[in-house]
Amino acid sequence: MDIAALSMSLSQMKVAQEASVSVMKLAMDTAQGQMQDLTKIMEQSVNPNLGTSIDIKG
């Protein structure tokens, strides 16, 4: 294999790896957001009376 082909192959592998890392970071950010939402829901479920009544006195 000549140097040019090897260089091109390594460059393509580098680009593929960078794309993979970017997708993984995006997935991790999404998972973190979902975990925060789930935590909020679980905190609200501790107080079952939260949101069951509305005070409309003016």
N, C-alpha and C. Protein backbone atom coordinates (compact mmCIF):
# COMPACT_ATOMS: atom_id res chain seq x y z
N MET A 1 0.86 -1.17 0.00
CA MET A 1 0.00 0.00 0.00
C MET A 1 0.90 1.23 0.00
N ASP A 2 0.61 2.16 -0.82
CA ASP A 2 1.45 3.34 -0.89
C ASP A 2 1.06 4.36 0.18
N ILE A 3 1.90 5.34 0.37
CA ILE A 3 1.73 6.34 1.42
C ILE A 3 0.45 7.16 1.21
N ALA A 4 0.15 7.52 -0.02
CA ALA A 4 -1.03 8.34 -0.30
C ALA A 4 -2.31 7.60 0.07
N ALA A 5 -2.39 6.33 -0.28
CA ALA A 5 -3.59 5.54 0.04
C ALA A 5 -3.71 5.36 1.55
N LEU A 6 -2.60 5.14 2.23
CA LEU A 6 -2.62 4.98 3.68
C LEU A 6 -3.06 6.27 4.35
N SER A 7 -2.56 7.39 3.88
CA SER A 7 -2.93 8.68 4.43
C SER A 7 -4.42 8.94 4.24
N MET A 8 -4.92 8.62 3.06
CA MET A 8 -6.34 8.83 2.78
C MET A 8 -7.20 7.94 3.66
N SER A 9 -6.79 6.71 3.85
CA SER A 9 -7.53 5.77 4.69
C SER A 9 -7.56 6.25 6.14
N LEU A 10 -6.44 6.71 6.65
CA LEU A 10 -6.38 7.20 8.02
C LEU A 10 -7.24 8.45 8.19
N SER A 11 -7.24 9.30 7.19
CA SER A 11 -8.06 10.51 7.24
C SER A 11 -9.54 10.16 7.28
N GLN A 12 -9.96 9.19 6.49
CA GLN A 12 -11.36 8.77 6.48
C GLN A 12 -11.75 8.16 7.82
N MET A 13 -10.85 7.39 8.42
CA MET A 13 -11.13 6.79 9.73
C MET A 13 -11.26 7.88 10.79
N LYS A 14 -10.43 8.91 10.69
CA LYS A 14 -10.49 10.01 11.65
C LYS A 14 -11.83 10.73 11.55
N VAL A 15 -12.28 11.00 10.34
CA VAL A 15 -13.57 11.67 10.14
C VAL A 15 -14.71 10.80 10.68
N ALA A 16 -14.65 9.52 10.42
CA ALA A 16 -15.69 8.61 10.92
C ALA A 16 -15.71 8.60 12.45
N GLN A 17 -14.53 8.61 13.06
CA GLN A 17 -14.45 8.60 14.52
C GLN A 17 -14.99 9.91 15.09
N GLU A 18 -14.67 11.03 14.47
CA GLU A 18 -15.18 12.32 14.95
C GLU A 18 -16.70 12.39 14.83
N ALA A 19 -17.24 11.86 13.76
CA ALA A 19 -18.70 11.82 13.60
C ALA A 19 -19.33 10.95 14.67
N SER A 20 -18.70 9.83 14.95
CA SER A 20 -19.22 8.93 15.98
C SER A 20 -19.22 9.60 17.35
N VAL A 21 -18.16 10.31 17.66
CA VAL A 21 -18.06 11.01 18.94
C VAL A 21 -19.12 12.11 19.03
N SER A 22 -19.34 12.82 17.93
CA SER A 22 -20.37 13.87 17.92
C SER A 22 -21.76 13.30 18.17
N VAL A 23 -22.06 12.18 17.54
CA VAL A 23 -23.36 11.54 17.75
C VAL A 23 -23.49 11.06 19.20
N MET A 24 -22.41 10.54 19.75
CA MET A 24 -22.44 10.07 21.14
C MET A 24 -22.66 11.24 22.10
N LYS A 25 -22.02 12.38 21.84
CA LYS A 25 -22.22 13.55 22.69
C LYS A 25 -23.67 14.02 22.62
N LEU A 26 -24.24 14.02 21.43
CA LEU A 26 -25.63 14.41 21.26
C LEU A 26 -26.56 13.46 22.04
N ALA A 27 -26.28 12.18 21.96
CA ALA A 27 -27.09 11.19 22.69
C ALA A 27 -26.97 11.39 24.19
N MET A 28 -25.76 11.69 24.66
CA MET A 28 -25.56 11.92 26.09
C MET A 28 -26.29 13.17 26.56
N ASP A 29 -26.27 14.24 25.77
CA ASP A 29 -26.98 15.45 26.13
C ASP A 29 -28.49 15.21 26.18
N THR A 30 -28.99 14.46 25.22
CA THR A 30 -30.42 14.13 25.20
C THR A 30 -30.79 13.29 26.42
N ALA A 31 -29.97 12.31 26.74
CA ALA A 31 -30.24 11.45 27.90
C ALA A 31 -30.20 12.27 29.19
N GLN A 32 -29.29 13.21 29.27
CA GLN A 32 -29.20 14.03 30.48
C GLN A 32 -30.47 14.88 30.63
N GLY A 33 -30.95 15.45 29.54
CA GLY A 33 -32.18 16.23 29.59
C GLY A 33 -33.37 15.38 30.00
N GLN A 34 -33.44 14.17 29.46
CA GLN A 34 -34.54 13.27 29.82
C GLN A 34 -34.46 12.88 31.30
N MET A 35 -33.24 12.70 31.80
CA MET A 35 -33.08 12.33 33.21
C MET A 35 -33.51 13.48 34.11
N GLN A 36 -33.22 14.71 33.71
CA GLN A 36 -33.66 15.86 34.50
C GLN A 36 -35.18 15.95 34.52
N ASP A 37 -35.81 15.71 33.38
CA ASP A 37 -37.27 15.72 33.31
C ASP A 37 -37.87 14.62 34.19
N LEU A 38 -37.27 13.44 34.14
CA LEU A 38 -37.74 12.33 34.96
C LEU A 38 -37.60 12.65 36.44
N THR A 39 -36.50 13.29 36.81
CA THR A 39 -36.29 13.67 38.20
C THR A 39 -37.37 14.64 38.66
N LYS A 40 -37.72 15.61 37.82
CA LYS A 40 -38.78 16.56 38.17
C LYS A 40 -40.11 15.85 38.37
N ILE A 41 -40.42 14.92 37.49
CA ILE A 41 -41.67 14.16 37.59
C ILE A 41 -41.70 13.36 38.88
N MET A 42 -40.57 12.75 39.21
CA MET A 42 -40.52 11.94 40.43
C MET A 42 -40.64 12.82 41.67
N GLU A 43 -40.05 14.01 41.64
CA GLU A 43 -40.18 14.92 42.78
C GLU A 43 -41.62 15.35 42.97
N GLN A 44 -42.33 15.58 41.88
CA GLN A 44 -43.73 15.98 41.98
C GLN A 44 -44.60 14.83 42.48
N SER A 45 -44.22 13.61 42.17
CA SER A 45 -45.03 12.47 42.60
C SER A 45 -44.92 12.23 44.10
N VAL A 46 -43.91 12.80 44.75
CA VAL A 46 -43.77 12.67 46.20
C VAL A 46 -44.90 13.41 46.90
N ASN A 47 -45.37 14.51 46.33
CA ASN A 47 -46.48 15.26 46.88
C ASN A 47 -47.69 15.05 45.97
N PRO A 48 -48.51 14.04 46.26
CA PRO A 48 -49.62 13.71 45.35
C PRO A 48 -50.70 14.78 45.29
N ASN A 49 -50.75 15.70 46.26
CA ASN A 49 -51.77 16.74 46.25
C ASN A 49 -51.36 17.95 45.41
N LEU A 50 -50.15 17.97 44.94
CA LEU A 50 -49.65 19.06 44.14
C LEU A 50 -50.40 19.15 42.81
N GLY A 51 -51.02 20.28 42.58
CA GLY A 51 -51.72 20.49 41.32
C GLY A 51 -53.13 19.96 41.27
N THR A 52 -53.67 19.49 42.40
CA THR A 52 -55.03 18.91 42.38
C THR A 52 -56.10 19.95 42.58
N SER A 53 -55.73 21.15 43.08
CA SER A 53 -56.75 22.18 43.27
C SER A 53 -56.20 23.52 42.83
N ILE A 54 -57.11 24.41 42.45
CA ILE A 54 -56.74 25.75 41.99
C ILE A 54 -57.47 26.76 42.85
N ASP A 55 -56.72 27.71 43.39
CA ASP A 55 -57.31 28.77 44.20
C ASP A 55 -57.74 29.89 43.28
N ILE A 56 -59.06 30.07 43.11
CA ILE A 56 -59.56 31.09 42.18
C ILE A 56 -60.18 32.28 42.92
N LYS A 57 -59.92 32.39 44.20
CA LYS A 57 -60.44 33.53 44.96
C LYS A 57 -59.74 34.80 44.50
N GLY A 58 -60.49 35.85 44.28
CA GLY A 58 -59.91 37.07 43.74
C GLY A 58 -59.76 38.11 44.72
